[in-house]
PDB file of all heavy atoms in Angstrom:
ATOM      1  N   ASN A   1      31.930  13.857 102.136  1.00  0.00           N
ATOM      2  CA  ASN A   1      32.429  12.923 101.113  1.00  0.00           C
ATOM      3  C   ASN A   1      31.969  13.256  99.708  1.00  0.00           C
ATOM      4  O   ASN A   1      32.169  12.483  98.787  1.00  0.00           O
ATOM      5  CB  ASN A   1      32.004  11.492 101.465  1.00  0.00           C
ATOM      6  CG  ASN A   1      32.657  11.009 102.735  1.00  0.00           C
ATOM      7  OD1 ASN A   1      33.563  11.653 103.268  1.00  0.00           O
ATOM      8  ND2 ASN A   1      32.209   9.868 103.230  1.00  0.00           N
ATOM      9  N   ASN A   2      31.318  14.410  99.551  1.00  0.00           N
ATOM     10  CA  ASN A   2      30.880  14.899  98.237  1.00  0.00           C
ATOM     11  C   ASN A   2      29.953  13.953  97.491  1.00  0.00           C
ATOM     12  O   ASN A   2      29.868  14.012  96.264  1.00  0.00           O
ATOM     13  CB  ASN A   2      32.081  15.252  97.358  1.00  0.00           C
ATOM     14  CG  ASN A   2      32.842  16.425  97.927  1.00  0.00           C
ATOM     15  OD1 ASN A   2      32.247  17.358  98.454  1.00  0.00           O
ATOM     16  ND2 ASN A   2      34.157  16.378  97.842  1.00  0.00           N
ATOM     17  N   GLN A   3      29.263  13.064  98.205  1.00  0.00           N
ATOM     18  CA  GLN A   3      28.233  12.260  97.558  1.00  0.00           C
ATOM     19  C   GLN A   3      26.997  13.131  97.393  1.00  0.00           C
ATOM     20  O   GLN A   3      26.800  14.093  98.138  1.00  0.00           O
ATOM     21  CB  GLN A   3      27.898  11.016  98.396  1.00  0.00           C
ATOM     22  CG  GLN A   3      29.023  10.006  98.457  1.00  0.00           C
ATOM     23  CD  GLN A   3      28.589   8.760  99.224  1.00  0.00           C
ATOM     24  OE1 GLN A   3      27.426   8.394  99.258  1.00  0.00           O
ATOM     25  NE2 GLN A   3      29.567   8.098  99.810  1.00  0.00           N
ATOM     26  N   LYS A   4      26.170  12.800  96.415  1.00  0.00           N
ATOM     27  CA  LYS A   4      24.933  13.540  96.216  1.00  0.00           C
ATOM     28  C   LYS A   4      23.818  12.869  96.993  1.00  0.00           C
ATOM     29  O   LYS A   4      23.698  11.645  97.000  1.00  0.00           O
ATOM     30  CB  LYS A   4      24.568  13.581  94.727  1.00  0.00           C
ATOM     31  CG  LYS A   4      25.536  14.425  93.927  1.00  0.00           C
ATOM     32  CD  LYS A   4      25.178  14.434  92.470  1.00  0.00           C
ATOM     33  CE  LYS A   4      26.197  15.278  91.700  1.00  0.00           C
ATOM     34  NZ  LYS A   4      26.071  15.114  90.265  1.00  0.00           N
ATOM     35  N   ALA A   5      23.001  13.672  97.662  1.00  0.00           N
ATOM     36  CA  ALA A   5      21.852  13.134  98.398  1.00  0.00           C
ATOM     37  C   ALA A   5      20.916  12.446  97.397  1.00  0.00           C
ATOM     38  O   ALA A   5      20.577  13.030  96.387  1.00  0.00           O
ATOM     39  CB  ALA A   5      21.133  14.246  99.139  1.00  0.00           C
ATOM     40  N   PRO A   6      20.514  11.202  97.677  1.00  0.00           N
ATOM     41  CA  PRO A   6      19.715  10.441  96.705  1.00  0.00           C
ATOM     42  C   PRO A   6      18.243  10.829  96.643  1.00  0.00           C
ATOM     43  O   PRO A   6      17.549  10.459  95.701  1.00  0.00           O
ATOM     44  CB  PRO A   6      19.869   9.001  97.192  1.00  0.00           C
ATOM     45  CG  PRO A   6      20.092   9.134  98.669  1.00  0.00           C
ATOM     46  CD  PRO A   6      20.866  10.410  98.850  1.00  0.00           C
ATOM     47  N   THR A   7      17.762  11.572  97.651  1.00  0.00           N
ATOM     48  CA  THR A   7      16.345  11.967  97.705  1.00  0.00           C
ATOM     49  C   THR A   7      16.238  13.398  98.244  1.00  0.00           C
ATOM     50  O   THR A   7      17.186  13.901  98.866  1.00  0.00           O
ATOM     51  CB  THR A   7      15.533  11.040  98.635  1.00  0.00           C
ATOM     52  OG1 THR A   7      16.031  11.210  99.969  1.00  0.00           O
ATOM     53  CG2 THR A   7      15.618   9.578  98.217  1.00  0.00           C
ATOM     54  N   ALA A   8      15.074  13.991  98.042  1.00  0.00           N
ATOM     55  CA  ALA A   8      14.811  15.321  98.620  1.00  0.00           C
ATOM     56  C   ALA A   8      14.891  15.246 100.142  1.00  0.00           C
ATOM     57  O   ALA A   8      15.429  16.146 100.786  1.00  0.00           O
ATOM     58  CB  ALA A   8      13.452  15.832  98.172  1.00  0.00           C
ATOM     59  N   LEU A   9      14.373  14.170 100.736  1.00  0.00           N
ATOM     60  CA  LEU A   9      14.402  14.024 102.184  1.00  0.00           C
ATOM     61  C   LEU A   9      15.849  13.961 102.693  1.00  0.00           C
ATOM     62  O   LEU A   9      16.197  14.629 103.681  1.00  0.00           O
ATOM     63  CB  LEU A   9      13.621  12.780 102.625  1.00  0.00           C
ATOM     64  CG  LEU A   9      13.617  12.499 104.125  1.00  0.00           C
ATOM     65  CD1 LEU A   9      13.009  13.664 104.915  1.00  0.00           C
ATOM     66  CD2 LEU A   9      12.876  11.199 104.412  1.00  0.00           C
ATOM     67  N   ALA A  10      16.689  13.184 102.032  1.00  0.00           N
ATOM     68  CA  ALA A  10      18.107  13.092 102.428  1.00  0.00           C
ATOM     69  C   ALA A  10      18.785  14.453 102.301  1.00  0.00           C
ATOM     70  O   ALA A  10      19.587  14.837 103.166  1.00  0.00           O
ATOM     71  CB  ALA A  10      18.833  12.045 101.589  1.00  0.00           C
ATOM     72  N   LEU A  11      18.446  15.195 101.246  1.00  0.00           N
ATOM     73  CA  LEU A  11      19.027  16.531 101.073  1.00  0.00           C
ATOM     74  C   LEU A  11      18.562  17.454 102.194  1.00  0.00           C
ATOM     75  O   LEU A  11      19.359  18.195 102.768  1.00  0.00           O
ATOM     76  CB  LEU A  11      18.681  17.133  99.720  1.00  0.00           C
ATOM     77  CG  LEU A  11      19.255  18.524  99.493  1.00  0.00           C
ATOM     78  CD1 LEU A  11      20.775  18.501  99.493  1.00  0.00           C
ATOM     79  CD2 LEU A  11      18.738  19.132  98.203  1.00  0.00           C
ATOM     80  N   MET A  12      17.276  17.393 102.539  1.00  0.00           N
ATOM     81  CA  MET A  12      16.754  18.256 103.604  1.00  0.00           C
ATOM     82  C   MET A  12      17.463  17.941 104.921  1.00  0.00           C
ATOM     83  O   MET A  12      17.897  18.840 105.633  1.00  0.00           O
ATOM     84  CB  MET A  12      15.246  18.045 103.746  1.00  0.00           C
ATOM     85  CG  MET A  12      14.480  19.228 104.231  1.00  0.00           C
ATOM     86  SD  MET A  12      14.796  19.833 105.887  1.00  0.00           S
ATOM     87  CE  MET A  12      14.826  18.423 106.890  1.00  0.00           C
ATOM     88  N   ARG A  13      17.606  16.668 105.249  1.00  0.00           N
ATOM     89  CA  ARG A  13      18.290  16.272 106.479  1.00  0.00           C
ATOM     90  C   ARG A  13      19.731  16.793 106.464  1.00  0.00           C
ATOM     91  O   ARG A  13      20.216  17.313 107.458  1.00  0.00           O
ATOM     92  CB  ARG A  13      18.284  14.764 106.635  1.00  0.00           C
ATOM     93  CG  ARG A  13      16.933  14.189 107.040  1.00  0.00           C
ATOM     94  CD  ARG A  13      17.036  12.666 107.260  1.00  0.00           C
ATOM     95  NE  ARG A  13      15.799  12.103 107.706  1.00  0.00           N
ATOM     96  CZ  ARG A  13      15.325  12.144 108.957  1.00  0.00           C
ATOM     97  NH1 ARG A  13      15.996  12.780 109.877  1.00  0.00           N
ATOM     98  NH2 ARG A  13      14.183  11.584 109.255  1.00  0.00           N
ATOM     99  N   SER A  14      20.400  16.647 105.320  1.00  0.00           N
ATOM    100  CA  SER A  14      21.798  17.090 105.241  1.00  0.00           C
ATOM    101  C   SER A  14      21.900  18.613 105.340  1.00  0.00           C
ATOM    102  O   SER A  14      22.872  19.139 105.899  1.00  0.00           O
ATOM    103  CB  SER A  14      22.469  16.589 103.950  1.00  0.00           C
ATOM    104  OG  SER A  14      21.938  17.217 102.799  1.00  0.00           O
ATOM    105  N   ARG A  15      20.900  19.329 104.857  1.00  0.00           N
ATOM    106  CA  ARG A  15      20.905  20.782 104.987  1.00  0.00           C
ATOM    107  C   ARG A  15      20.715  21.200 106.452  1.00  0.00           C
ATOM    108  O   ARG A  15      21.347  22.132 106.926  1.00  0.00           O
ATOM    109  CB  ARG A  15      19.848  21.418 104.082  1.00  0.00           C
ATOM    110  CG  ARG A  15      20.266  21.373 102.608  1.00  0.00           C
ATOM    111  CD  ARG A  15      19.171  21.882 101.678  1.00  0.00           C
ATOM    112  NE  ARG A  15      18.776  23.244 101.991  1.00  0.00           N
ATOM    113  CZ  ARG A  15      19.373  24.338 101.518  1.00  0.00           C
ATOM    114  NH1 ARG A  15      20.426  24.237 100.716  1.00  0.00           N
ATOM    115  NH2 ARG A  15      18.933  25.548 101.847  1.00  0.00           N
ATOM    116  N   TYR A  16      19.875  20.472 107.180  1.00  0.00           N
ATOM    117  CA  TYR A  16      19.744  20.737 108.616  1.00  0.00           C
ATOM    118  C   TYR A  16      21.110  20.503 109.291  1.00  0.00           C
ATOM    119  O   TYR A  16      21.561  21.328 110.096  1.00  0.00           O
ATOM    120  CB  TYR A  16      18.682  19.833 109.253  1.00  0.00           C
ATOM    121  CG  TYR A  16      18.648  19.977 110.758  1.00  0.00           C
ATOM    122  CD1 TYR A  16      17.924  21.012 111.353  1.00  0.00           C
ATOM    123  CD2 TYR A  16      19.346  19.108 111.570  1.00  0.00           C
ATOM    124  CE1 TYR A  16      17.911  21.175 112.728  1.00  0.00           C
ATOM    125  CE2 TYR A  16      19.342  19.258 112.949  1.00  0.00           C
ATOM    126  CZ  TYR A  16      18.618  20.293 113.527  1.00  0.00           C
ATOM    127  OH  TYR A  16      18.621  20.443 114.888  1.00  0.00           O
ATOM    128  N   SER A  17      21.759  19.401 108.965  1.00  0.00           N
ATOM    129  CA  SER A  17      23.076  19.108 109.537  1.00  0.00           C
ATOM    130  C   SER A  17      24.097  20.170 109.135  1.00  0.00           C
ATOM    131  O   SER A  17      24.990  20.496 109.923  1.00  0.00           O
ATOM    132  CB  SER A  17      23.559  17.723 109.095  1.00  0.00           C
ATOM    133  OG  SER A  17      22.779  16.724 109.728  1.00  0.00           O
ATOM    134  N   ALA A  18      23.943  20.720 107.950  1.00  0.00           N
ATOM    135  CA  ALA A  18      24.854  21.791 107.514  1.00  0.00           C
ATOM    136  C   ALA A  18      24.653  23.047 108.372  1.00  0.00           C
ATOM    137  O   ALA A  18      25.625  23.711 108.721  1.00  0.00           O
ATOM    138  CB  ALA A  18      24.634  22.109 106.040  1.00  0.00           C
ATOM    139  N   TYR A  19      23.407  23.360 108.702  1.00  0.00           N
ATOM    140  CA  TYR A  19      23.160  24.483 109.622  1.00  0.00           C
ATOM    141  C   TYR A  19      23.792  24.186 110.970  1.00  0.00           C
ATOM    142  O   TYR A  19      24.482  25.029 111.545  1.00  0.00           O
ATOM    143  CB  TYR A  19      21.660  24.769 109.788  1.00  0.00           C
ATOM    144  CG  TYR A  19      21.095  25.638 108.700  1.00  0.00           C
ATOM    145  CD1 TYR A  19      20.277  25.122 107.701  1.00  0.00           C
ATOM    146  CD2 TYR A  19      21.378  26.999 108.672  1.00  0.00           C
ATOM    147  CE1 TYR A  19      19.761  25.927 106.711  1.00  0.00           C
ATOM    148  CE2 TYR A  19      20.868  27.819 107.672  1.00  0.00           C
ATOM    149  CZ  TYR A  19      20.054  27.268 106.699  1.00  0.00           C
ATOM    150  OH  TYR A  19      19.554  28.088 105.700  1.00  0.00           O
ATOM    151  N   ALA A  20      23.568  22.984 111.483  1.00  0.00           N
ATOM    152  CA  ALA A  20      24.068  22.621 112.806  1.00  0.00           C
ATOM    153  C   ALA A  20      25.599  22.598 112.859  1.00  0.00           C
ATOM    154  O   ALA A  20      26.182  22.881 113.900  1.00  0.00           O
ATOM    155  CB  ALA A  20      23.502  21.267 113.223  1.00  0.00           C
ATOM    156  N   SER A  21      26.235  22.291 111.730  1.00  0.00           N
ATOM    157  CA  SER A  21      27.703  22.233 111.686  1.00  0.00           C
ATOM    158  C   SER A  21      28.317  23.461 111.013  1.00  0.00           C
ATOM    159  O   SER A  21      29.509  23.485 110.731  1.00  0.00           O
ATOM    160  CB  SER A  21      28.161  20.955 110.982  1.00  0.00           C
ATOM    161  OG  SER A  21      27.726  20.927 109.639  1.00  0.00           O
ATOM    162  N   HIS A  22      27.479  24.459 110.713  1.00  0.00           N
ATOM    163  CA  HIS A  22      27.917  25.761 110.179  1.00  0.00           C
ATOM    164  C   HIS A  22      28.576  25.650 108.814  1.00  0.00           C
ATOM    165  O   HIS A  22      29.555  26.343 108.519  1.00  0.00           O
ATOM    166  CB  HIS A  22      28.843  26.468 111.166  1.00  0.00           C
ATOM    167  CG  HIS A  22      28.308  26.511 112.556  1.00  0.00           C
ATOM    168  ND1 HIS A  22      29.123  26.610 113.655  1.00  0.00           N
ATOM    169  CD2 HIS A  22      27.037  26.455 113.029  1.00  0.00           C
ATOM    170  CE1 HIS A  22      28.369  26.614 114.751  1.00  0.00           C
ATOM    171  NE2 HIS A  22      27.095  26.524 114.393  1.00  0.00           N
ATOM    172  N   ASN A  23      28.032  24.810 107.956  1.00  0.00           N
ATOM    173  CA  ASN A  23      28.579  24.580 106.626  1.00  0.00           C
ATOM    174  C   ASN A  23      27.799  25.389 105.586  1.00  0.00           C
ATOM    175  O   ASN A  23      26.963  24.862 104.851  1.00  0.00           O
ATOM    176  CB  ASN A  23      28.559  23.087 106.299  1.00  0.00           C
ATOM    177  CG  ASN A  23      29.325  22.740 105.050  1.00  0.00           C
ATOM    178  OD1 ASN A  23      29.509  23.569 104.171  1.00  0.00           O
ATOM    179  ND2 ASN A  23      29.761  21.501 104.960  1.00  0.00           N
ATOM    180  N   ALA A  24      28.062  26.689 105.538  1.00  0.00           N
ATOM    181  CA  ALA A  24      27.350  27.592 104.628  1.00  0.00           C
ATOM    182  C   ALA A  24      27.617  27.271 103.159  1.00  0.00           C
ATOM    183  O   ALA A  24      26.740  27.439 102.317  1.00  0.00           O
ATOM    184  CB  ALA A  24      27.703  29.039 104.935  1.00  0.00           C
ATOM    185  N   ASP A  25      28.822  26.816 102.849  1.00  0.00           N
ATOM    186  CA  ASP A  25      29.144  26.462 101.449  1.00  0.00           C
ATOM    187  C   ASP A  25      28.188  25.393 100.939  1.00  0.00           C
ATOM    188  O   ASP A  25      27.653  25.502  99.831  1.00  0.00           O
ATOM    189  CB  ASP A  25      30.587  25.967 101.329  1.00  0.00           C
ATOM    190  CG  ASP A  25      31.593  27.098 101.480  1.00  0.00           C
ATOM    191  OD1 ASP A  25      31.270  28.260 101.150  1.00  0.00           O
ATOM    192  OD2 ASP A  25      32.715  26.819 101.946  1.00  0.00           O
ATOM    193  N   TYR A  26      27.974  24.361 101.737  1.00  0.00           N
ATOM    194  CA  TYR A  26      27.085  23.272 101.329  1.00  0.00           C
ATOM    195  C   TYR A  26      25.651  23.792 101.132  1.00  0.00           C
ATOM    196  O   TYR A  26      24.980  23.415 100.183  1.00  0.00           O
ATOM    197  CB  TYR A  26      27.098  22.155 102.380  1.00  0.00           C
ATOM    198  CG  TYR A  26      26.213  20.988 102.019  1.00  0.00           C
ATOM    199  CD1 TYR A  26      26.658  20.017 101.117  1.00  0.00           C
ATOM    200  CD2 TYR A  26      24.941  20.839 102.557  1.00  0.00           C
ATOM    201  CE1 TYR A  26      25.849  18.938 100.788  1.00  0.00           C
ATOM    202  CE2 TYR A  26      24.126  19.769 102.223  1.00  0.00           C
ATOM    203  CZ  TYR A  26      24.595  18.822 101.342  1.00  0.00           C
ATOM    204  OH  TYR A  26      23.803  17.756 100.995  1.00  0.00           O
ATOM    205  N   LEU A  27      25.214  24.666 102.018  1.00  0.00           N
ATOM    206  CA  LEU A  27      23.873  25.210 101.910  1.00  0.00           C
ATOM    207  C   LEU A  27      23.699  26.003 100.620  1.00  0.00           C
ATOM    208  O   LEU A  27      22.666  25.873  99.948  1.00  0.00           O
ATOM    209  CB  LEU A  27      23.543  26.045 103.144  1.00  0.00           C
ATOM    210  CG  LEU A  27      23.368  25.203 104.406  1.00  0.00           C
ATOM    211  CD1 LEU A  27      23.530  26.034 105.645  1.00  0.00           C
ATOM    212  CD2 LEU A  27      22.034  24.503 104.381  1.00  0.00           C
ATOM    213  N   LEU A  28      24.683  26.789 100.252  1.00  0.00           N
ATOM    214  CA  LEU A  28      24.604  27.518  98.985  1.00  0.00           C
ATOM    215  C   LEU A  28      24.668  26.582  97.780  1.00  0.00           C
ATOM    216  O   LEU A  28      23.894  26.734  96.839  1.00  0.00           O
ATOM    217  CB  LEU A  28      25.732  28.547  98.890  1.00  0.00           C
ATOM    218  CG  LEU A  28      25.470  29.887  99.568  1.00  0.00           C
ATOM    219  CD1 LEU A  28      26.696  30.781  99.506  1.00  0.00           C
ATOM    220  CD2 LEU A  28      24.265  30.583  98.965  1.00  0.00           C
ATOM    221  N   GLU A  29      25.567  25.611  97.839  1.00  0.00           N
ATOM    222  CA  GLU A  29      25.729  24.675  96.722  1.00  0.00           C
ATOM    223  C   GLU A  29      24.480  23.856  96.474  1.00  0.00           C
ATOM    224  O   GLU A  29      24.207  23.466  95.346  1.00  0.00           O
ATOM    225  CB  GLU A  29      26.893  23.703  97.013  1.00  0.00           C
ATOM    226  CG  GLU A  29      28.251  24.351  96.944  1.00  0.00           C
ATOM    227  CD  GLU A  29      29.333  23.496  97.614  1.00  0.00           C
ATOM    228  OE1 GLU A  29      29.088  22.317  97.946  1.00  0.00           O
ATOM    229  OE2 GLU A  29      30.438  24.030  97.810  1.00  0.00           O
ATOM    230  N   THR A  30      23.702  23.566  97.535  1.00  0.00           N
ATOM    231  CA  THR A  30      22.517  22.733  97.385  1.00  0.00           C
ATOM    232  C   THR A  30      21.227  23.556  97.250  1.00  0.00           C
ATOM    233  O   THR A  30      20.136  23.001  97.255  1.00  0.00           O
ATOM    234  CB  THR A  30      22.381  21.739  98.561  1.00  0.00           C
ATOM    235  OG1 THR A  30      22.330  22.469  99.791  1.00  0.00           O
ATOM    236  CG2 THR A  30      23.536  20.741  98.570  1.00  0.00           C
ATOM    237  N   THR A  31      21.379  24.865  97.094  1.00  0.00           N
ATOM    238  CA  THR A  31      20.242  25.725  96.768  1.00  0.00           C
ATOM    239  C   THR A  31      20.178  25.829  95.249  1.00  0.00           C
ATOM    240  O   THR A  31      21.207  25.990  94.589  1.00  0.00           O
ATOM    241  CB  THR A  31      20.427  27.129  97.395  1.00  0.00           C
ATOM    242  OG1 THR A  31      20.462  26.994  98.819  1.00  0.00           O
ATOM    243  CG2 THR A  31      19.292  28.047  97.001  1.00  0.00           C
ATOM    244  N   HIS A  32      18.988  25.688  94.692  1.00  0.00           N
ATOM    245  CA  HIS A  32      18.832  25.730  93.238  1.00  0.00           C
ATOM    246  C   HIS A  32      19.406  27.035  92.677  1.00  0.00           C
ATOM    247  O   HIS A  32      19.255  28.107  93.276  1.00  0.00           O
ATOM    248  CB  HIS A  32      17.357  25.584  92.865  1.00  0.00           C
ATOM    249  CG  HIS A  32      17.158  25.311  91.419  1.00  0.00           C
ATOM    250  ND1 HIS A  32      16.967  26.304  90.496  1.00  0.00           N
ATOM    251  CD2 HIS A  32      17.159  24.142  90.730  1.00  0.00           C
ATOM    252  CE1 HIS A  32      16.833  25.765  89.293  1.00  0.00           C
ATOM    253  NE2 HIS A  32      16.944  24.441  89.416  1.00  0.00           N
ATOM    254  N   ALA A  33      20.059  26.934  91.545  1.00  0.00           N
ATOM    255  CA  ALA A  33      20.735  28.083  90.917  1.00  0.00           C
ATOM    256  C   ALA A  33      19.804  29.284  90.748  1.00  0.00           C
ATOM    257  O   ALA A  33      20.224  30.424  90.917  1.00  0.00           O
ATOM    258  CB  ALA A  33      21.328  27.667  89.576  1.00  0.00           C
ATOM    259  N   SER A  34      18.530  29.019  90.473  1.00  0.00           N
ATOM    260  CA  SER A  34      17.579  30.125  90.267  1.00  0.00           C
ATOM    261  C   SER A  34      17.291  30.884  91.561  1.00  0.00           C
ATOM    262  O   SER A  34      16.760  31.997  91.513  1.00  0.00           O
ATOM    263  CB  SER A  34      16.269  29.582  89.703  1.00  0.00           C
ATOM    264  OG  SER A  34      15.622  28.744  90.654  1.00  0.00           O
ATOM    265  N   GLU A  35      17.642  30.324  92.693  1.00  0.00           N
ATOM    266  CA  GLU A  35      17.349  30.938  93.994  1.00  0.00           C
ATOM    267  C   GLU A  35      18.576  31.477  94.720  1.00  0.00           C
ATOM    268  O   GLU A  35      18.449  32.207  95.695  1.00  0.00           O
ATOM    269  CB  GLU A  35      16.647  29.921  94.899  1.00  0.00           C
ATOM    270  CG  GLU A  35      15.347  29.366  94.329  1.00  0.00           C
ATOM    271  CD  GLU A  35      14.293  30.433  94.163  1.00  0.00           C
ATOM    272  OE1 GLU A  35      14.084  31.226  95.086  1.00  0.00           O
ATOM    273  OE2 GLU A  35      13.653  30.469  93.090  1.00  0.00           O
ATOM    274  N   ARG A  36      19.772  31.100  94.294  1.00  0.00           N
ATOM    275  CA  ARG A  36      20.994  31.459  95.030  1.00  0.00           C
ATOM    276  C   ARG A  36      21.196  32.961  95.205  1.00  0.00           C
ATOM    277  O   ARG A  36      21.767  33.376  96.196  1.00  0.00           O
ATOM    278  CB  ARG A  36      22.227  30.868  94.327  1.00  0.00           C
ATOM    279  CG  ARG A  36      22.432  29.432  94.667  1.00  0.00           C
ATOM    280  CD  ARG A  36      23.717  28.877  94.149  1.00  0.00           C
ATOM    281  NE  ARG A  36      23.530  27.436  94.021  1.00  0.00           N
ATOM    282  CZ  ARG A  36      24.004  26.693  93.072  1.00  0.00           C
ATOM    283  NH1 ARG A  36      24.753  27.225  92.138  1.00  0.00           N
ATOM    284  NH2 ARG A  36      23.759  25.405  93.035  1.00  0.00           N
ATOM    285  N   GLN A  37      20.719  33.739  94.257  1.00  0.00           N
ATOM    286  CA  GLN A  37      20.895  35.193  94.342  1.00  0.00           C
ATOM    287  C   GLN A  37      20.222  35.791  95.582  1.00  0.00           C
ATOM    288  O   GLN A  37      20.561  36.874  96.011  1.00  0.00           O
ATOM    289  CB  GLN A  37      20.342  35.859  93.086  1.00  0.00           C
ATOM    290  CG  GLN A  37      18.824  35.728  92.955  1.00  0.00           C
ATOM    291  CD  GLN A  37      18.305  36.122  91.608  1.00  0.00           C
ATOM    292  OE1 GLN A  37      19.071  36.363  90.692  1.00  0.00           O
ATOM    293  NE2 GLN A  37      16.990  36.205  91.469  1.00  0.00           N
ATOM    294  N   PHE A  38      19.262  35.062  96.160  1.00  0.00           N
ATOM    295  CA  PHE A  38      18.530  35.575  97.319  1.00  0.00           C
ATOM    296  C   PHE A  38      19.200  35.234  98.645  1.00  0.00           C
ATOM    297  O   PHE A  38      18.680  35.564  99.707  1.00  0.00           O
ATOM    298  CB  PHE A  38      17.093  35.020  97.318  1.00  0.00           C
ATOM    299  CG  PHE A  38      16.361  35.352  96.049  1.00  0.00           C
ATOM    300  CD1 PHE A  38      15.967  34.339  95.184  1.00  0.00           C
ATOM    301  CD2 PHE A  38      16.074  36.666  95.701  1.00  0.00           C
ATOM    302  CE1 PHE A  38      15.293  34.624  94.008  1.00  0.00           C
ATOM    303  CE2 PHE A  38      15.397  36.964  94.531  1.00  0.00           C
ATOM    304  CZ  PHE A  38      15.009  35.944  93.681  1.00  0.00           C
TER     305      PHE A  38
END
């Protein structure tokens, strides 16, 4: 639903769910810009 995670904990949980549901786009989008190159 393109809502922003309200806390770091909510973001971490959603990133785990992104791994479990194979959502690589979300994982890249929620990685800080300074780290995406890695």
